[in-house]
Amino acid sequence: MLLDTHILLWFAAGHPRLKPAWRSALEDQGNEILVSTVSLWEAAIKVRIGKLAADIPALTAGCVRAGFRIVELSPRHLARLMRLSPPGDHRDPFDHLLLAQAAAEDARFVTAEPRLGQYGVSILAG
């Protein structure tokens, strides 16, 4: 499972918006949890522009401690991005990159945005 940025942040903060089913899936040792550097990059940008208060090095270290696998953005992911369904009215570039990574890694995309299912990527939505 590849985490959308907000799911990662909610998990790290113990936020009540993280549904119990998501928390169970993330804590299940039988599931491989992927965190994209795209999410860490998105969070870092939001910290820099004042839209988010987070310690990015601590967030990254927490991912490693939790046993999550950090996935770097690669040319293979970009190639998959070019084969995603057309963007329609959703133009968030971070979401597009994350969806492409999920597809290329054959992972379910964990997100609170069910409309992202329109891209032909398996999602676990809220």
N, C-alpha and C. Protein backbone atom coordinates (compact mmCIF):
# COMPACT_ATOMS: atom_id res chain seq x y z
N MET A 1 0.84 -1.18 0.00
CA MET A 1 0.00 0.00 0.00
C MET A 1 0.89 1.24 0.00
N LEU A 2 0.57 2.17 -0.89
CA LEU A 2 1.29 3.44 -0.94
C LEU A 2 0.40 4.51 -0.32
N LEU A 3 0.94 5.26 0.63
CA LEU A 3 0.17 6.25 1.36
C LEU A 3 0.12 7.59 0.65
N ASP A 4 -1.10 8.15 0.59
CA ASP A 4 -1.24 9.53 0.16
C ASP A 4 -0.64 10.40 1.27
N THR A 5 -0.23 11.59 0.92
CA THR A 5 0.46 12.46 1.88
C THR A 5 -0.36 12.71 3.13
N HIS A 6 -1.64 13.01 2.97
CA HIS A 6 -2.46 13.31 4.15
C HIS A 6 -2.62 12.07 5.04
N ILE A 7 -2.66 10.88 4.47
CA ILE A 7 -2.76 9.66 5.27
C ILE A 7 -1.48 9.49 6.10
N LEU A 8 -0.34 9.71 5.46
CA LEU A 8 0.94 9.64 6.18
C LEU A 8 0.97 10.62 7.35
N LEU A 9 0.56 11.86 7.10
CA LEU A 9 0.59 12.88 8.14
C LEU A 9 -0.39 12.56 9.26
N TRP A 10 -1.58 12.08 8.91
CA TRP A 10 -2.56 11.71 9.93
C TRP A 10 -2.05 10.55 10.78
N PHE A 11 -1.43 9.56 10.14
CA PHE A 11 -0.89 8.42 10.87
C PHE A 11 0.20 8.87 11.83
N ALA A 12 1.12 9.68 11.33
CA ALA A 12 2.24 10.15 12.16
C ALA A 12 1.77 10.97 13.35
N ALA A 13 0.69 11.73 13.16
CA ALA A 13 0.19 12.61 14.22
C ALA A 13 -0.86 11.94 15.11
N GLY A 14 -1.26 10.71 14.76
CA GLY A 14 -2.33 10.07 15.52
C GLY A 14 -3.64 10.82 15.37
N HIS A 15 -3.85 11.42 14.22
CA HIS A 15 -5.02 12.26 13.96
C HIS A 15 -6.30 11.45 13.93
N PRO A 16 -7.38 11.96 14.52
CA PRO A 16 -8.64 11.22 14.53
C PRO A 16 -9.28 11.02 13.15
N ARG A 17 -8.84 11.77 12.14
CA ARG A 17 -9.40 11.57 10.79
C ARG A 17 -8.90 10.28 10.15
N LEU A 18 -7.86 9.68 10.72
CA LEU A 18 -7.36 8.40 10.21
C LEU A 18 -8.33 7.31 10.69
N LYS A 19 -9.07 6.75 9.76
CA LYS A 19 -10.08 5.76 10.10
C LYS A 19 -9.44 4.52 10.72
N PRO A 20 -10.16 3.88 11.65
CA PRO A 20 -9.62 2.67 12.28
C PRO A 20 -9.21 1.59 11.27
N ALA A 21 -9.95 1.45 10.19
CA ALA A 21 -9.59 0.44 9.18
C ALA A 21 -8.25 0.77 8.54
N TRP A 22 -7.98 2.04 8.30
CA TRP A 22 -6.69 2.44 7.74
C TRP A 22 -5.58 2.17 8.74
N ARG A 23 -5.81 2.56 10.00
CA ARG A 23 -4.79 2.35 11.03
C ARG A 23 -4.47 0.86 11.16
N SER A 24 -5.50 0.03 11.16
CA SER A 24 -5.27 -1.42 11.25
C SER A 24 -4.43 -1.91 10.09
N ALA A 25 -4.76 -1.44 8.87
CA ALA A 25 -4.01 -1.86 7.68
C ALA A 25 -2.56 -1.41 7.77
N LEU A 26 -2.32 -0.21 8.29
CA LEU A 26 -0.97 0.33 8.38
C LEU A 26 -0.15 -0.36 9.48
N GLU A 27 -0.82 -0.81 10.50
CA GLU A 27 -0.13 -1.48 11.60
C GLU A 27 0.00 -2.98 11.39
N ASP A 28 -0.67 -3.53 10.39
CA ASP A 28 -0.63 -4.96 10.11
C ASP A 28 0.73 -5.31 9.51
N GLN A 29 1.51 -6.12 10.22
CA GLN A 29 2.85 -6.48 9.78
C GLN A 29 2.84 -7.27 8.47
N GLY A 30 1.69 -7.80 8.09
CA GLY A 30 1.58 -8.54 6.84
C GLY A 30 1.48 -7.64 5.62
N ASN A 31 1.27 -6.36 5.83
CA ASN A 31 1.16 -5.40 4.73
C ASN A 31 2.48 -4.66 4.54
N GLU A 32 2.91 -4.54 3.30
CA GLU A 32 4.07 -3.70 3.02
C GLU A 32 3.55 -2.29 2.79
N ILE A 33 4.05 -1.35 3.58
CA ILE A 33 3.61 0.04 3.48
C ILE A 33 4.71 0.85 2.80
N LEU A 34 4.31 1.55 1.75
CA LEU A 34 5.24 2.37 0.98
C LEU A 34 4.95 3.85 1.24
N VAL A 35 6.00 4.62 1.39
CA VAL A 35 5.91 6.07 1.52
C VAL A 35 6.79 6.65 0.43
N SER A 36 6.20 7.51 -0.36
CA SER A 36 6.93 8.11 -1.47
C SER A 36 7.72 9.35 -1.02
N THR A 37 8.87 9.51 -1.63
CA THR A 37 9.61 10.76 -1.42
C THR A 37 8.79 11.94 -1.93
N VAL A 38 7.85 11.68 -2.84
CA VAL A 38 6.95 12.73 -3.33
C VAL A 38 6.13 13.28 -2.16
N SER A 39 5.64 12.40 -1.28
CA SER A 39 4.88 12.85 -0.11
C SER A 39 5.76 13.66 0.84
N LEU A 40 6.98 13.21 1.04
CA LEU A 40 7.90 13.94 1.92
C LEU A 40 8.24 15.30 1.31
N TRP A 41 8.39 15.33 0.01
CA TRP A 41 8.66 16.59 -0.70
C TRP A 41 7.47 17.53 -0.57
N GLU A 42 6.25 16.99 -0.78
CA GLU A 42 5.04 17.81 -0.65
C GLU A 42 4.93 18.39 0.76
N ALA A 43 5.16 17.56 1.76
CA ALA A 43 5.08 18.03 3.14
C ALA A 43 6.14 19.11 3.41
N ALA A 44 7.36 18.90 2.92
CA ALA A 44 8.43 19.88 3.12
C ALA A 44 8.08 21.22 2.48
N ILE A 45 7.51 21.18 1.29
CA ILE A 45 7.10 22.43 0.63
C ILE A 45 6.04 23.15 1.45
N LYS A 46 5.07 22.38 1.96
CA LYS A 46 4.01 23.00 2.76
C LYS A 46 4.55 23.58 4.07
N VAL A 47 5.56 22.95 4.65
CA VAL A 47 6.21 23.51 5.84
C VAL A 47 6.86 24.83 5.47
N ARG A 48 7.59 24.85 4.37
CA ARG A 48 8.33 26.06 3.96
C ARG A 48 7.42 27.24 3.67
N ILE A 49 6.20 26.98 3.14
CA ILE A 49 5.29 28.09 2.80
C ILE A 49 4.30 28.38 3.93
N GLY A 50 4.45 27.70 5.06
CA GLY A 50 3.62 27.99 6.22
C GLY A 50 2.26 27.32 6.25
N LYS A 51 2.03 26.32 5.40
CA LYS A 51 0.73 25.63 5.39
C LYS A 51 0.71 24.39 6.27
N LEU A 52 1.86 24.02 6.82
CA LEU A 52 1.96 22.81 7.62
C LEU A 52 3.05 22.98 8.67
N ALA A 53 2.77 22.49 9.86
CA ALA A 53 3.79 22.46 10.92
C ALA A 53 4.20 21.00 11.09
N ALA A 54 5.39 20.67 10.66
CA ALA A 54 5.87 19.29 10.78
C ALA A 54 7.38 19.29 10.77
N ASP A 55 7.95 18.28 11.40
CA ASP A 55 9.39 18.07 11.41
C ASP A 55 9.68 16.99 10.37
N ILE A 56 10.12 17.38 9.20
CA ILE A 56 10.28 16.44 8.08
C ILE A 56 11.33 15.38 8.38
N PRO A 57 12.51 15.72 8.94
CA PRO A 57 13.45 14.64 9.28
C PRO A 57 12.86 13.64 10.28
N ALA A 58 12.09 14.14 11.26
CA ALA A 58 11.47 13.24 12.23
C ALA A 58 10.39 12.39 11.56
N LEU A 59 9.65 12.98 10.65
CA LEU A 59 8.63 12.23 9.91
C LEU A 59 9.28 11.10 9.11
N THR A 60 10.36 11.41 8.43
CA THR A 60 11.08 10.41 7.65
C THR A 60 11.63 9.30 8.54
N ALA A 61 12.25 9.68 9.65
CA ALA A 61 12.78 8.70 10.59
C ALA A 61 11.67 7.83 11.16
N GLY A 62 10.51 8.43 11.42
CA GLY A 62 9.37 7.68 11.93
C GLY A 62 8.88 6.65 10.94
N CYS A 63 8.92 6.99 9.66
CA CYS A 63 8.54 6.03 8.62
C CYS A 63 9.46 4.81 8.65
N VAL A 64 10.74 5.07 8.76
CA VAL A 64 11.72 3.99 8.80
C VAL A 64 11.52 3.14 10.04
N ARG A 65 11.33 3.79 11.20
CA ARG A 65 11.10 3.06 12.45
C ARG A 65 9.85 2.19 12.37
N ALA A 66 8.81 2.68 11.68
CA ALA A 66 7.56 1.93 11.55
C ALA A 66 7.69 0.77 10.57
N GLY A 67 8.83 0.70 9.86
CA GLY A 67 9.04 -0.38 8.90
C GLY A 67 8.50 -0.07 7.53
N PHE A 68 8.14 1.18 7.28
CA PHE A 68 7.64 1.58 5.96
C PHE A 68 8.82 1.66 5.00
N ARG A 69 8.58 1.32 3.74
CA ARG A 69 9.63 1.41 2.72
C ARG A 69 9.50 2.75 2.00
N ILE A 70 10.59 3.50 1.98
CA ILE A 70 10.63 4.78 1.27
C ILE A 70 10.88 4.49 -0.21
N VAL A 71 10.02 5.03 -1.06
CA VAL A 71 10.11 4.81 -2.50
C VAL A 71 10.53 6.11 -3.17
N GLU A 72 11.68 6.06 -3.84
CA GLU A 72 12.17 7.21 -4.60
C GLU A 72 11.41 7.32 -5.92
N LEU A 73 11.27 8.52 -6.44
CA LEU A 73 10.66 8.72 -7.75
C LEU A 73 11.67 8.29 -8.81
N SER A 74 11.23 7.48 -9.77
CA SER A 74 12.15 6.95 -10.78
C SER A 74 11.58 7.16 -12.19
N PRO A 75 12.42 6.98 -13.21
CA PRO A 75 11.93 7.07 -14.59
C PRO A 75 10.79 6.08 -14.87
N ARG A 76 10.82 4.93 -14.22
CA ARG A 76 9.74 3.95 -14.39
C ARG A 76 8.41 4.52 -13.91
N HIS A 77 8.44 5.27 -12.83
CA HIS A 77 7.23 5.90 -12.32
C HIS A 77 6.74 6.99 -13.28
N LEU A 78 7.68 7.74 -13.83
CA LEU A 78 7.30 8.79 -14.77
C LEU A 78 6.71 8.20 -16.05
N ALA A 79 7.24 7.07 -16.49
CA ALA A 79 6.67 6.39 -17.66
C ALA A 79 5.24 5.96 -17.37
N ARG A 80 5.00 5.47 -16.15
CA ARG A 80 3.65 5.05 -15.79
C ARG A 80 2.72 6.25 -15.67
N LEU A 81 3.24 7.38 -15.22
CA LEU A 81 2.47 8.62 -15.14
C LEU A 81 1.88 8.97 -16.51
N MET A 82 2.66 8.79 -17.55
CA MET A 82 2.21 9.14 -18.90
C MET A 82 1.10 8.22 -19.40
N ARG A 83 0.90 7.08 -18.73
CA ARG A 83 -0.16 6.15 -19.14
C ARG A 83 -1.39 6.20 -18.23
N LEU A 84 -1.40 7.09 -17.23
CA LEU A 84 -2.58 7.24 -16.38
C LEU A 84 -3.73 7.78 -17.21
N SER A 85 -4.93 7.50 -16.76
CA SER A 85 -6.10 8.09 -17.41
C SER A 85 -5.97 9.61 -17.39
N PRO A 86 -6.61 10.30 -18.34
CA PRO A 86 -6.52 11.77 -18.37
C PRO A 86 -6.95 12.38 -17.03
N PRO A 87 -6.37 13.53 -16.69
CA PRO A 87 -6.58 14.10 -15.36
C PRO A 87 -7.98 14.63 -15.07
N GLY A 88 -8.80 14.86 -16.06
CA GLY A 88 -10.12 15.41 -15.78
C GLY A 88 -9.98 16.74 -15.06
N ASP A 89 -10.74 16.91 -13.98
CA ASP A 89 -10.70 18.19 -13.26
C ASP A 89 -9.75 18.16 -12.07
N HIS A 90 -9.05 17.06 -11.87
CA HIS A 90 -8.12 16.96 -10.74
C HIS A 90 -6.70 17.21 -11.25
N ARG A 91 -6.12 18.31 -10.85
CA ARG A 91 -4.84 18.72 -11.43
C ARG A 91 -3.69 18.77 -10.42
N ASP A 92 -3.84 18.13 -9.27
CA ASP A 92 -2.78 18.15 -8.26
C ASP A 92 -1.61 17.28 -8.74
N PRO A 93 -0.45 17.89 -9.05
CA PRO A 93 0.67 17.11 -9.57
C PRO A 93 1.20 16.08 -8.58
N PHE A 94 1.13 16.36 -7.28
CA PHE A 94 1.59 15.39 -6.29
C PHE A 94 0.73 14.13 -6.36
N ASP A 95 -0.59 14.31 -6.43
CA ASP A 95 -1.48 13.15 -6.52
C ASP A 95 -1.20 12.34 -7.78
N HIS A 96 -0.95 13.00 -8.88
CA HIS A 96 -0.67 12.29 -10.13
C HIS A 96 0.61 11.45 -10.01
N LEU A 97 1.64 12.03 -9.42
CA LEU A 97 2.89 11.28 -9.23
C LEU A 97 2.68 10.10 -8.28
N LEU A 98 1.95 10.32 -7.19
CA LEU A 98 1.70 9.25 -6.24
C LEU A 98 0.88 8.12 -6.87
N LEU A 99 -0.13 8.47 -7.64
CA LEU A 99 -0.93 7.46 -8.34
C LEU A 99 -0.06 6.65 -9.30
N ALA A 100 0.81 7.32 -10.03
CA ALA A 100 1.70 6.62 -10.96
C ALA A 100 2.64 5.68 -10.21
N GLN A 101 3.15 6.14 -9.08
CA GLN A 101 4.02 5.26 -8.29
C GLN A 101 3.25 4.05 -7.78
N ALA A 102 2.04 4.27 -7.29
CA ALA A 102 1.23 3.14 -6.81
C ALA A 102 1.01 2.13 -7.93
N ALA A 103 0.67 2.63 -9.11
CA ALA A 103 0.44 1.73 -10.25
C ALA A 103 1.71 0.98 -10.62
N ALA A 104 2.83 1.68 -10.69
CA ALA A 104 4.10 1.05 -11.09
C ALA A 104 4.58 0.05 -10.05
N GLU A 105 4.27 0.30 -8.78
CA GLU A 105 4.70 -0.59 -7.70
C GLU A 105 3.67 -1.69 -7.43
N ASP A 106 2.56 -1.68 -8.21
CA ASP A 106 1.47 -2.64 -8.01
C ASP A 106 0.97 -2.59 -6.57
N ALA A 107 0.75 -1.37 -6.09
CA ALA A 107 0.32 -1.14 -4.72
C ALA A 107 -1.04 -0.45 -4.71
N ARG A 108 -1.82 -0.71 -3.68
CA ARG A 108 -3.05 0.04 -3.47
C ARG A 108 -2.68 1.42 -2.97
N PHE A 109 -3.41 2.43 -3.43
CA PHE A 109 -3.17 3.80 -3.01
C PHE A 109 -4.14 4.11 -1.88
N VAL A 110 -3.63 4.44 -0.71
CA VAL A 110 -4.46 4.72 0.46
C VAL A 110 -4.69 6.22 0.52
N THR A 111 -5.95 6.64 0.37
CA THR A 111 -6.29 8.05 0.29
C THR A 111 -7.68 8.29 0.85
N ALA A 112 -7.92 9.52 1.27
CA ALA A 112 -9.25 9.93 1.72
C ALA A 112 -10.03 10.55 0.56
N GLU A 113 -9.45 10.53 -0.63
CA GLU A 113 -10.08 11.13 -1.81
C GLU A 113 -10.57 10.04 -2.76
N PRO A 114 -11.82 9.58 -2.60
CA PRO A 114 -12.32 8.49 -3.43
C PRO A 114 -12.33 8.82 -4.93
N ARG A 115 -12.39 10.09 -5.28
CA ARG A 115 -12.43 10.45 -6.71
C ARG A 115 -11.13 10.08 -7.43
N LEU A 116 -10.06 9.79 -6.68
CA LEU A 116 -8.82 9.41 -7.31
C LEU A 116 -8.89 8.01 -7.92
N GLY A 117 -9.96 7.30 -7.64
CA GLY A 117 -10.19 6.01 -8.26
C GLY A 117 -10.45 6.08 -9.75
N GLN A 118 -10.71 7.27 -10.26
CA GLN A 118 -10.98 7.45 -11.69
C GLN A 118 -9.76 7.23 -12.58
N TYR A 119 -8.60 7.06 -11.99
CA TYR A 119 -7.38 6.92 -12.78
C TYR A 119 -6.97 5.48 -13.06
N GLY A 120 -7.82 4.54 -12.66
CA GLY A 120 -7.52 3.15 -12.95
C GLY A 120 -6.49 2.54 -12.03
N VAL A 121 -6.24 3.16 -10.89
CA VAL A 121 -5.29 2.65 -9.90
C VAL A 121 -6.10 2.10 -8.74
N SER A 122 -5.70 0.96 -8.20
CA SER A 122 -6.39 0.39 -7.06
C SER A 122 -6.24 1.30 -5.86
N ILE A 123 -7.38 1.67 -5.24
CA ILE A 123 -7.29 2.54 -4.08
C ILE A 123 -8.03 1.96 -2.89
N LEU A 124 -7.59 2.35 -1.71
CA LEU A 124 -8.28 2.09 -0.46
C LEU A 124 -8.67 3.48 0.02
N ALA A 125 -9.92 3.85 -0.25
CA ALA A 125 -10.36 5.22 0.00
C ALA A 125 -11.26 5.28 1.22
N GLY A 126 -11.41 6.51 1.71
CA GLY A 126 -12.29 6.75 2.86
C GLY A 126 -13.61 7.30 2.43
